[in-house]
Amino acid sequence: MDIARVITTLREEIKSYQVPVVDLIAAQTADPFKVLTATILSARTKDETTAQAARRLFARAPDMAGLASLSEDEIRKLIYPVGFYRAKAGYLHKLPDALQSLNQGRVPADIDSLVKLPGVGRKTANLVRAVAFGKPAICVDTHVHRIMNIWGYVKTSTPLQTEMALRNKLPQKYWLEINSLLVAFGQGTCKPVAPHCDRCIIRSYCPRLGVKARKIPSTARDRRLDGLNLISWNVNGIRALEKKGFVDIVTSLAPDILAVQETKAQPEQLSAALHNIEGYKSYWHSARRKGYSGVAVYSKIEPRAVIYGLGEDEFDAEGRVITLEYENFFLVNAYFPNAQHELKRMDYKLAFNSAIHKFANSLSQKKSVVICGDFNVAHKAIDLKNPQANEMNPGYSAEERAWMDSFIDDGYIDTFRKFNQEPDNYSWWSYRFNARARNIGWRIDYFCVDAKSDKRLLEAAILNEIMGSDHCPVSLRFSR
């Protein structure tokens, strides 16, 4: 790849894009304190949210002395709802003392010193060195790592490997700007999911390694079949995910229907923001036991009817199923039980599986059925990283896989596998052992449809770039 030509082209291209928030702060001030603080706030947070939080914080704390005068609780309230705001409030509260001990209260310019500060990793350190001090640094975030590999400019597995490779290969004159260019380009065109290759200004140079571009309807018939965008996500506690930017994520993904599982909340425990995301009406079915299970659906389309549960109290008490009836299909949102350690709850799970299978069959006699959610089972060896080691474990036991076999044999279609037969596609990763970064995962979240609805399937995907839960969302495009 002619990297000089590509970078020159992208400089002109992104002038009309929204610039990353740290660049916006830098354009307004050269103050290393504000650049450092904004960069800490920006991790795993949409730029709009970061910018608003930074404005509130800097109004109260325009410098390090101002930050030192605030309590951790005051900082927490000022920066909410940036992702991981509690942890970031702790980092910022400790920052003045840490800087005093490290560098007599001044923000250092070298990477080794910066990474000793609370909440500062290599990405943040490189950004501060480059943006605040104008010194050579290569900040590699997921966009830089991903796009450089798409281009084939590097062949690496982690952002750190990409940083080291670029230090050896990328001309130093591009180091300061490469992050800003590729973050803006990655957010605007070369998106993590369904990149806009059709309108990419550098498409003639790009080999598009590993890319599945968006599909562009070219005829009236194609536009009609563009279909509904359905997303399913086990949020593992919706109140916790709200603090990590859930509403912003929903707004960004803009599904027609969003089904969520494991909400772990009663309706009265939810904020107004969770109840009323703009453009959506929400429907909730919670477990009787607080902080456990629960499902919900956000819908832009008014359903004809809502069915809460399966009509069997042993399952409905745990808030595991909610069904919305639309004009020409049913959406069944389900959180299947976990068989648990030593398969202690296997009988309950298999009874639930049988009940929901029967329920779906009864609905399919009337119209199309889309059943989605966390099935808590990896169907085949391809659906988890270490199948042999897990054959006796919950989620991959012989009994659970046998039920999934029977479900598929009855005509239900695993929509992801209809479109994608590749390994290493997972939707859940343990929080332990850095499993997500190493992609040691399981595919246990599904969209399935009844056999008669096969022709309505347009596309299915796993949105593994979306963070916030130990699961990522899965999606289905379904014709109207």
Protein backbone atom coordinates (compact mmCIF):
# COMPACT_ATOMS: atom_id res chain seq x y z
CA MET A 1 0.00 0.00 0.00
CA ASP A 2 1.17 3.50 -0.85
CA ILE A 3 0.79 4.78 2.70
CA ALA A 4 1.81 8.35 1.82
CA ARG A 5 -0.90 8.65 -0.83
CA VAL A 6 -3.53 7.06 1.43
CA ILE A 7 -2.77 9.39 4.35
CA THR A 8 -2.77 12.44 2.07
CA THR A 9 -6.16 11.37 0.68
CA LEU A 10 -7.61 10.76 4.13
CA ARG A 11 -6.49 14.17 5.40
CA GLU A 12 -8.83 15.80 2.88
CA GLU A 13 -11.58 13.23 3.37
CA ILE A 14 -11.99 13.63 7.12
CA LYS A 15 -12.19 17.43 7.07
CA SER A 16 -15.97 17.01 6.86
CA TYR A 17 -16.06 14.32 9.60
CA GLN A 18 -16.66 14.82 13.28
CA VAL A 19 -13.19 14.95 14.84
CA PRO A 20 -12.32 12.76 17.85
CA VAL A 21 -13.01 14.50 21.14
CA VAL A 22 -9.38 14.65 22.28
CA ASP A 23 -8.49 16.52 19.07
CA LEU A 24 -11.38 18.86 19.72
CA ILE A 25 -10.05 19.60 23.21
CA ALA A 26 -6.55 20.10 21.78
CA ALA A 27 -7.88 22.57 19.20
CA GLN A 28 -9.33 24.64 22.01
CA THR A 29 -6.37 24.49 24.40
CA ALA A 30 -2.80 23.19 24.57
CA ASP A 31 -3.17 22.49 28.30
CA PRO A 32 -1.72 19.00 29.03
CA PHE A 33 -4.02 18.72 32.08
CA LYS A 34 -7.15 19.03 29.95
CA VAL A 35 -5.85 16.71 27.25
CA LEU A 36 -4.92 14.08 29.85
CA THR A 37 -8.24 14.39 31.66
CA ALA A 38 -10.33 14.27 28.48
CA THR A 39 -8.38 11.22 27.29
CA ILE A 40 -9.04 9.36 30.55
CA LEU A 41 -12.74 10.21 30.25
CA SER A 42 -12.93 9.11 26.60
CA ALA A 43 -12.13 5.41 27.08
CA ARG A 44 -15.09 3.26 25.97
CA THR A 45 -17.34 6.30 25.72
CA LYS A 46 -18.95 8.04 22.76
CA ASP A 47 -17.27 11.31 21.88
CA GLU A 48 -20.46 13.33 22.42
CA THR A 49 -20.78 11.99 25.97
CA THR A 50 -17.09 12.62 26.68
CA ALA A 51 -17.28 16.20 25.40
CA GLN A 52 -20.27 17.03 27.60
CA ALA A 53 -18.65 15.47 30.68
CA ALA A 54 -15.37 17.30 30.02
CA ARG A 55 -17.17 20.64 29.75
CA ARG A 56 -18.91 20.07 33.09
CA LEU A 57 -15.71 18.97 34.79
CA PHE A 58 -13.53 21.78 33.41
CA ALA A 59 -16.11 24.37 34.48
CA ARG A 60 -15.48 23.29 38.06
CA ALA A 61 -11.87 22.17 37.70
CA PRO A 62 -10.04 24.16 35.01
CA ASP A 63 -6.64 23.02 36.30
CA MET A 64 -4.99 20.45 38.56
CA ALA A 65 -5.60 22.55 41.67
CA GLY A 66 -9.29 22.71 40.84
CA LEU A 67 -9.41 18.95 40.40
CA ALA A 68 -7.68 18.45 43.74
CA SER A 69 -10.39 20.54 45.43
CA LEU A 70 -13.17 18.15 44.33
CA SER A 71 -14.25 15.07 46.23
CA GLU A 72 -14.47 11.75 44.42
CA ASP A 73 -18.27 11.89 44.73
CA GLU A 74 -18.33 15.37 43.16
CA ILE A 75 -16.18 14.16 40.25
CA ARG A 76 -18.41 11.14 39.82
CA LYS A 77 -21.51 13.31 39.49
CA LEU A 78 -19.82 15.69 37.06
CA ILE A 79 -18.60 13.01 34.64
CA TYR A 80 -21.66 10.73 34.68
CA PRO A 81 -22.63 8.97 32.35
CA VAL A 82 -19.25 8.29 30.72
CA GLY A 83 -18.39 4.61 30.56
CA PHE A 84 -16.97 3.21 33.84
CA TYR A 85 -17.57 6.60 35.45
CA ARG A 86 -17.07 5.29 38.98
CA ALA A 87 -13.61 3.93 38.20
CA LYS A 88 -12.69 7.06 36.23
CA ALA A 89 -13.79 9.28 39.11
CA GLY A 90 -11.41 7.30 41.32
CA TYR A 91 -8.56 7.76 38.84
CA LEU A 92 -9.14 11.50 38.55
CA HIS A 93 -9.42 11.93 42.30
CA LYS A 94 -6.00 10.28 42.75
CA LEU A 95 -4.42 12.12 39.81
CA PRO A 96 -3.26 15.35 41.55
CA ASP A 97 -1.40 13.46 44.30
CA ALA A 98 0.04 11.00 41.78
CA LEU A 99 1.35 13.84 39.62
CA GLN A 100 2.79 15.62 42.64
CA SER A 101 4.72 12.51 43.63
CA LEU A 102 5.80 11.68 40.09
CA ASN A 103 6.62 15.03 38.49
CA GLN A 104 6.08 17.86 40.98
CA GLY A 105 2.45 18.28 39.88
CA ARG A 106 3.15 18.60 36.15
CA VAL A 107 1.89 16.25 33.45
CA PRO A 108 4.94 14.35 32.11
CA ALA A 109 5.61 13.97 28.39
CA ASP A 110 7.32 10.57 28.38
CA ILE A 111 5.42 7.29 28.00
CA ASP A 112 7.13 5.48 30.90
CA SER A 113 6.06 8.20 33.36
CA LEU A 114 2.55 8.63 31.94
CA VAL A 115 1.65 4.94 32.29
CA LYS A 116 2.38 5.18 36.03
CA LEU A 117 -0.57 7.54 36.47
CA PRO A 118 -3.98 6.17 37.57
CA GLY A 119 -6.20 5.24 34.64
CA VAL A 120 -3.46 5.72 32.04
CA GLY A 121 -2.47 2.87 29.70
CA ARG A 122 -0.28 2.94 26.61
CA LYS A 123 -3.06 4.24 24.35
CA THR A 124 -3.79 7.18 26.66
CA ALA A 125 -0.09 7.85 27.25
CA ASN A 126 0.66 7.99 23.53
CA LEU A 127 -2.32 10.26 22.92
CA VAL A 128 -1.24 12.71 25.61
CA ARG A 129 2.37 12.71 24.39
CA ALA A 130 1.27 13.34 20.80
CA VAL A 131 -1.67 15.71 21.29
CA ALA A 132 -0.58 17.71 24.32
CA PHE A 133 3.14 17.89 23.66
CA GLY A 134 3.46 17.35 19.91
CA LYS A 135 6.14 14.71 20.48
CA PRO A 136 6.54 11.54 18.36
CA ALA A 137 4.09 8.88 19.53
CA ILE A 138 1.84 6.32 17.94
CA CYS A 139 -1.50 5.91 19.66
CA VAL A 140 -3.08 2.63 18.63
CA ASP A 141 -6.71 2.07 19.52
CA THR A 142 -9.07 -0.52 18.04
CA HIS A 143 -9.67 1.58 14.92
CA VAL A 144 -5.96 1.94 14.12
CA HIS A 145 -5.30 -1.73 14.87
CA ARG A 146 -8.26 -2.90 12.80
CA ILE A 147 -7.77 -0.64 9.78
CA MET A 148 -4.02 -1.16 9.51
CA ASN A 149 -4.69 -4.92 9.36
CA ILE A 150 -7.50 -4.45 6.81
CA TRP A 151 -5.00 -2.56 4.66
CA GLY A 152 -2.40 -5.31 5.13
CA TYR A 153 0.08 -2.65 6.26
CA VAL A 154 0.67 -4.76 9.38
CA LYS A 155 -0.28 -8.30 10.29
CA THR A 156 -0.83 -8.27 14.04
CA SER A 157 -3.15 -9.71 16.68
CA THR A 158 -3.25 -6.98 19.33
CA PRO A 159 -3.08 -3.16 19.48
CA LEU A 160 0.27 -3.40 21.29
CA GLN A 161 1.73 -5.52 18.48
CA THR A 162 0.37 -2.97 15.99
CA GLU A 163 2.01 -0.10 17.87
CA MET A 164 5.38 -1.88 17.83
CA ALA A 165 5.04 -2.77 14.14
CA LEU A 166 4.13 0.79 13.19
CA ARG A 167 7.09 2.18 15.13
CA ASN A 168 9.32 0.12 12.86
CA LYS A 169 7.45 0.70 9.59
CA LEU A 170 5.40 3.89 9.56
CA PRO A 171 7.40 7.04 8.71
CA GLN A 172 7.69 9.15 11.85
CA LYS A 173 6.21 12.21 10.14
CA TYR A 174 2.82 10.43 10.23
CA TRP A 175 2.95 9.31 13.87
CA LEU A 176 1.19 12.32 15.39
CA GLU A 177 -1.81 12.29 13.06
CA ILE A 178 -2.41 8.61 12.36
CA ASN A 179 -4.70 8.04 15.35
CA SER A 180 -6.88 11.07 14.62
CA LEU A 181 -7.15 10.14 10.95
CA LEU A 182 -8.09 6.52 11.52
CA VAL A 183 -10.43 7.11 14.46
CA ALA A 184 -12.42 9.63 12.40
CA PHE A 185 -12.24 7.39 9.31
CA GLY A 186 -13.18 4.31 11.36
CA GLN A 187 -16.20 6.04 12.88
CA GLY A 188 -17.37 7.60 9.63
CA THR A 189 -16.60 5.14 6.82
CA CYS A 190 -14.49 2.11 7.73
CA LYS A 191 -16.89 1.05 10.48
CA PRO A 192 -16.27 -2.08 12.58
CA VAL A 193 -19.56 -3.61 11.39
CA ALA A 194 -20.60 -3.38 7.73
CA PRO A 195 -18.02 -0.79 6.61
CA HIS A 196 -19.07 1.56 3.83
CA CYS A 197 -16.67 0.24 1.20
CA ASP A 198 -19.08 1.35 -1.53
CA ARG A 199 -18.34 5.02 -0.83
CA CYS A 200 -14.79 4.73 0.53
CA ILE A 201 -12.43 7.27 -1.02
CA ILE A 202 -9.45 4.88 -0.82
CA ARG A 203 -11.23 1.73 -2.00
CA SER A 204 -8.98 1.45 -5.06
CA TYR A 205 -5.93 1.12 -2.78
CA CYS A 206 -7.45 -1.11 -0.08
CA PRO A 207 -7.21 -4.93 -0.26
CA ARG A 208 -10.10 -5.16 2.25
CA LEU A 209 -8.57 -8.06 4.16
CA GLY A 210 -11.16 -9.81 6.33
CA VAL A 211 -13.84 -7.22 5.55
CA LYS A 212 -17.53 -7.92 5.11
CA ALA A 213 -18.84 -4.69 3.63
CA ARG A 214 -22.40 -3.47 3.94
CA LYS A 215 -24.84 -4.54 1.25
CA ILE A 216 -26.23 -1.73 -0.84
CA PRO A 217 -29.71 -2.26 -2.30
CA SER A 218 -29.60 -1.40 -6.00
CA THR A 219 -33.20 -1.83 -7.12
CA ALA A 220 -36.67 -1.03 -5.84
CA ARG A 221 -37.09 -4.69 -4.97
CA ASP A 222 -33.82 -4.70 -3.04
CA ARG A 223 -34.87 -1.58 -1.13
CA ARG A 224 -38.14 -3.24 -0.22
CA LEU A 225 -36.22 -6.27 1.02
CA ASP A 226 -33.77 -4.20 3.04
CA GLY A 227 -35.89 -5.29 5.95
CA LEU A 228 -36.03 -4.79 9.67
CA ASN A 229 -32.89 -4.49 11.75
CA LEU A 230 -33.29 -6.74 14.81
CA ILE A 231 -30.71 -6.94 17.61
CA SER A 232 -30.50 -9.23 20.63
CA TRP A 233 -28.17 -8.62 23.57
CA ASN A 234 -27.62 -10.22 26.97
CA VAL A 235 -26.79 -7.04 28.91
CA ASN A 236 -25.85 -8.77 32.19
CA GLY A 237 -27.53 -6.10 34.30
CA ILE A 238 -29.12 -3.21 32.45
CA ARG A 239 -28.64 -0.71 35.29
CA ALA A 240 -24.91 -1.41 35.31
CA LEU A 241 -24.77 -1.14 31.51
CA GLU A 242 -26.61 2.20 31.64
CA LYS A 243 -23.55 3.60 33.41
CA LYS A 244 -21.38 2.34 30.54
CA GLY A 245 -23.37 4.17 27.88
CA PHE A 246 -26.22 1.76 27.03
CA VAL A 247 -28.55 4.49 25.76
CA ASP A 248 -25.81 5.92 23.53
CA ILE A 249 -25.08 2.44 22.15
CA VAL A 250 -28.75 1.86 21.31
CA THR A 251 -28.98 5.25 19.64
CA SER A 252 -25.87 4.50 17.60
CA LEU A 253 -26.98 1.02 16.50
CA ALA A 254 -30.54 2.27 15.83
CA PRO A 255 -32.25 -1.15 15.57
CA ASP A 256 -35.92 -1.35 14.69
CA ILE A 257 -36.33 -3.83 17.55
CA LEU A 258 -33.88 -4.52 20.39
CA ALA A 259 -34.36 -7.58 22.60
CA VAL A 260 -32.35 -7.68 25.83
CA GLN A 261 -31.86 -10.45 28.35
CA GLU A 262 -30.64 -10.72 31.94
CA THR A 263 -31.86 -7.23 32.80
CA LYS A 264 -31.64 -8.00 36.55
CA ALA A 265 -34.14 -5.25 37.35
CA GLN A 266 -37.74 -4.58 38.28
CA PRO A 267 -39.51 -1.87 36.23
CA GLU A 268 -39.71 0.44 39.25
CA GLN A 269 -35.90 0.23 39.66
CA LEU A 270 -35.28 1.63 36.18
CA SER A 271 -34.41 5.22 35.38
CA ALA A 272 -36.59 7.31 33.09
CA ALA A 273 -33.76 7.16 30.52
CA LEU A 274 -33.98 3.35 30.41
CA HIS A 275 -37.76 3.35 30.20
CA ASN A 276 -37.94 5.99 27.49
CA ILE A 277 -35.18 5.83 24.88
CA GLU A 278 -36.18 8.32 22.19
CA GLY A 279 -38.04 6.65 19.33
CA TYR A 280 -38.74 3.42 21.24
CA LYS A 281 -41.41 1.98 23.46
CA SER A 282 -40.19 -0.59 25.97
CA TYR A 283 -41.80 -3.77 27.33
CA TRP A 284 -40.49 -5.57 30.43
CA HIS A 285 -40.91 -9.00 31.99
CA SER A 286 -38.93 -9.27 35.22
CA ALA A 287 -38.24 -12.11 37.62
CA ARG A 288 -40.02 -12.04 40.97
CA ARG A 289 -36.63 -12.33 42.64
CA LYS A 290 -34.89 -8.96 42.53
CA GLY A 291 -31.57 -8.65 40.71
CA TYR A 292 -32.11 -11.86 38.74
CA SER A 293 -32.88 -12.83 35.15
CA GLY A 294 -35.45 -10.68 33.29
CA VAL A 295 -36.07 -9.78 29.65
CA ALA A 296 -37.20 -6.66 27.80
CA VAL A 297 -37.83 -5.38 24.28
CA TYR A 298 -37.36 -1.87 22.86
CA SER A 299 -39.41 -1.41 19.70
CA LYS A 300 -39.87 1.40 17.19
CA ILE A 301 -42.90 -0.50 15.87
CA GLU A 302 -46.10 -0.75 17.91
CA PRO A 303 -46.86 -4.46 18.47
CA ARG A 304 -50.35 -5.84 18.07
CA ALA A 305 -50.03 -7.74 21.34
CA VAL A 306 -47.51 -8.61 24.05
CA ILE A 307 -47.36 -12.05 25.70
CA TYR A 308 -45.57 -12.21 29.04
CA GLY A 309 -44.06 -15.62 29.73
CA LEU A 310 -45.00 -19.12 28.58
CA GLY A 311 -48.06 -19.61 30.73
CA GLU A 312 -46.13 -21.89 33.11
CA ASP A 313 -45.41 -20.37 36.51
CA GLU A 314 -42.15 -22.22 37.20
CA PHE A 315 -40.60 -20.44 34.20
CA ASP A 316 -42.59 -17.21 34.23
CA ALA A 317 -41.58 -16.50 37.84
CA GLU A 318 -38.02 -16.08 36.55
CA GLY A 319 -38.98 -13.59 33.82
CA ARG A 320 -37.41 -15.57 30.99
CA VAL A 321 -39.66 -14.95 27.96
CA ILE A 322 -41.50 -12.01 26.41
CA THR A 323 -43.20 -12.20 23.00
CA LEU A 324 -44.29 -9.34 20.79
CA GLU A 325 -46.77 -9.97 18.00
CA TYR A 326 -46.37 -7.84 14.88
CA GLU A 327 -48.33 -7.76 11.65
CA ASN A 328 -46.61 -10.71 10.00
CA PHE A 329 -44.31 -12.25 12.61
CA PHE A 330 -43.85 -13.01 16.29
CA LEU A 331 -40.66 -11.97 18.09
CA VAL A 332 -39.89 -14.30 21.00
CA ASN A 333 -37.19 -12.91 23.30
CA ALA A 334 -35.85 -15.61 25.62
CA TYR A 335 -33.25 -15.99 28.34
CA PHE A 336 -32.66 -19.73 28.58
CA PRO A 337 -31.61 -21.14 31.99
CA ASN A 338 -27.99 -22.02 32.72
CA ALA A 339 -27.55 -25.71 33.55
CA GLN A 340 -25.14 -24.58 36.32
CA HIS A 341 -22.11 -26.20 37.91
CA GLU A 342 -22.20 -30.00 37.88
CA LEU A 343 -25.35 -29.65 35.71
CA LYS A 344 -27.45 -29.19 38.87
CA ARG A 345 -30.22 -27.40 36.97
CA MET A 346 -30.26 -29.59 33.90
CA ASP A 347 -33.78 -30.95 34.49
CA TYR A 348 -35.16 -27.42 34.83
CA LYS A 349 -33.35 -26.27 31.70
CA LEU A 350 -34.53 -29.18 29.57
CA ALA A 351 -38.10 -28.64 30.79
CA PHE A 352 -37.84 -24.97 29.82
CA ASN A 353 -36.38 -25.91 26.43
CA SER A 354 -39.30 -28.25 25.79
CA ALA A 355 -41.85 -25.64 26.85
CA ILE A 356 -40.45 -22.85 24.65
CA HIS A 357 -40.10 -25.24 21.70
CA LYS A 358 -43.76 -26.15 22.03
CA PHE A 359 -44.68 -22.47 22.41
CA ALA A 360 -42.76 -21.48 19.26
CA ASN A 361 -44.41 -24.30 17.31
CA SER A 362 -47.85 -23.07 18.31
CA LEU A 363 -47.03 -19.54 17.15
CA SER A 364 -45.58 -20.75 13.85
CA GLN A 365 -49.00 -22.10 12.88
CA LYS A 366 -50.19 -18.47 12.66
CA LYS A 367 -47.26 -16.51 11.17
CA SER A 368 -43.46 -16.29 11.06
CA VAL A 369 -41.58 -16.82 14.32
CA VAL A 370 -38.29 -15.14 15.19
CA ILE A 371 -36.86 -16.46 18.44
CA CYS A 372 -33.80 -14.73 19.85
CA GLY A 373 -31.78 -14.46 23.00
CA ASP A 374 -29.19 -16.13 25.17
CA PHE A 375 -29.77 -19.87 24.62
CA ASN A 376 -26.95 -20.73 27.04
CA VAL A 377 -25.67 -23.47 24.74
CA ALA A 378 -22.93 -23.69 22.13
CA HIS A 379 -24.44 -25.97 19.52
CA LYS A 380 -21.40 -27.34 17.71
CA ALA A 381 -17.65 -27.60 18.27
CA ILE A 382 -17.19 -24.61 15.96
CA ASP A 383 -19.21 -22.50 18.43
CA LEU A 384 -16.65 -22.42 21.25
CA LYS A 385 -12.89 -22.14 21.49
CA ASN A 386 -12.17 -25.27 23.56
CA PRO A 387 -14.88 -27.87 22.84
CA GLN A 388 -13.08 -30.97 24.13
CA ALA A 389 -12.33 -29.39 27.50
CA ASN A 390 -15.99 -28.42 27.97
CA GLU A 391 -17.93 -31.55 26.99
CA MET A 392 -19.12 -32.13 30.55
CA ASN A 393 -19.68 -28.46 31.37
CA PRO A 394 -22.88 -26.41 31.36
CA GLY A 395 -23.53 -24.89 27.95
CA TYR A 396 -21.85 -27.69 26.02
CA SER A 397 -23.11 -30.85 27.70
CA ALA A 398 -24.41 -33.70 25.54
CA GLU A 399 -27.97 -33.17 26.79
CA GLU A 400 -28.04 -29.48 25.88
CA ARG A 401 -26.53 -30.05 22.45
CA ALA A 402 -28.99 -32.88 21.81
CA TRP A 403 -31.91 -30.53 22.49
CA MET A 404 -30.44 -27.94 20.13
CA ASP A 405 -30.12 -30.70 17.52
CA SER A 406 -33.80 -31.52 17.92
CA PHE A 407 -34.77 -27.86 17.67
CA ILE A 408 -32.84 -27.41 14.42
CA ASP A 409 -34.08 -30.76 13.07
CA ASP A 410 -37.62 -29.51 13.63
CA GLY A 411 -36.94 -26.87 10.98
CA TYR A 412 -35.70 -23.91 13.00
CA ILE A 413 -32.83 -22.10 11.31
CA ASP A 414 -29.71 -20.88 13.11
CA THR A 415 -29.54 -17.66 11.11
CA PHE A 416 -25.88 -16.84 11.79
CA ARG A 417 -24.72 -20.22 10.49
CA LYS A 418 -26.88 -19.80 7.40
CA PHE A 419 -24.65 -16.88 6.39
CA ASN A 420 -21.34 -17.66 8.11
CA GLN A 421 -19.56 -21.01 8.50
CA GLU A 422 -16.29 -19.55 9.81
CA PRO A 423 -14.81 -20.51 13.22
CA ASP A 424 -13.79 -18.05 15.96
CA ASN A 425 -17.11 -16.19 15.93
CA TYR A 426 -18.30 -15.86 19.52
CA SER A 427 -20.86 -13.83 21.48
CA TRP A 428 -19.79 -14.49 25.09
CA TRP A 429 -16.42 -14.37 26.84
CA SER A 430 -15.53 -14.98 30.47
CA TYR A 431 -14.41 -11.92 32.41
CA ARG A 432 -11.43 -13.99 33.61
CA PHE A 433 -8.06 -14.63 31.97
CA ASN A 434 -8.40 -11.72 29.50
CA ALA A 435 -10.64 -14.04 27.49
CA ARG A 436 -12.26 -11.43 25.28
CA ALA A 437 -8.99 -9.86 24.17
CA ARG A 438 -7.72 -13.36 23.35
CA ASN A 439 -11.06 -14.31 21.74
CA ILE A 440 -11.49 -17.39 23.90
CA GLY A 441 -15.27 -17.43 23.73
CA TRP A 442 -18.56 -19.19 23.11
CA ARG A 443 -21.37 -18.50 20.64
CA ILE A 444 -24.46 -18.91 22.83
CA ASP A 445 -26.63 -16.01 21.59
CA TYR A 446 -28.88 -16.70 18.61
CA PHE A 447 -31.51 -15.55 16.19
CA CYS A 448 -33.52 -18.52 14.95
CA VAL A 449 -36.56 -18.56 12.66
CA ASP A 450 -39.10 -21.19 11.70
CA ALA A 451 -38.55 -23.14 8.47
CA LYS A 452 -41.22 -21.29 6.49
CA SER A 453 -39.42 -17.97 7.10
CA ASP A 454 -36.15 -18.95 5.44
CA LYS A 455 -36.73 -16.67 2.45
CA ARG A 456 -37.19 -13.68 4.75
CA LEU A 457 -33.60 -13.89 6.02
CA LEU A 458 -31.37 -11.16 4.58
CA GLU A 459 -28.33 -11.04 6.86
CA ALA A 460 -27.13 -12.14 10.30
CA ALA A 461 -24.09 -10.95 12.22
CA ILE A 462 -22.27 -10.87 15.56
CA LEU A 463 -21.48 -7.32 16.70
CA ASN A 464 -18.34 -8.19 18.63
CA GLU A 465 -17.02 -4.61 18.67
CA ILE A 466 -19.80 -3.56 21.06
CA MET A 467 -18.58 -3.56 24.66
CA GLY A 468 -20.25 -3.19 28.03
CA SER A 469 -21.36 -6.74 28.85
CA ASP A 470 -19.67 -10.14 28.87
CA HIS A 471 -21.91 -10.81 25.85
CA CYS A 472 -21.94 -8.81 22.63
CA PRO A 473 -25.08 -8.15 20.57
CA VAL A 474 -26.14 -10.36 17.67
CA SER A 475 -28.20 -9.06 14.77
CA LEU A 476 -30.64 -10.18 12.10
CA ARG A 477 -31.97 -8.35 9.05
CA PHE A 478 -35.44 -9.75 8.38
CA SER A 479 -37.61 -8.80 5.42
CA ARG A 480 -40.80 -6.93 6.14
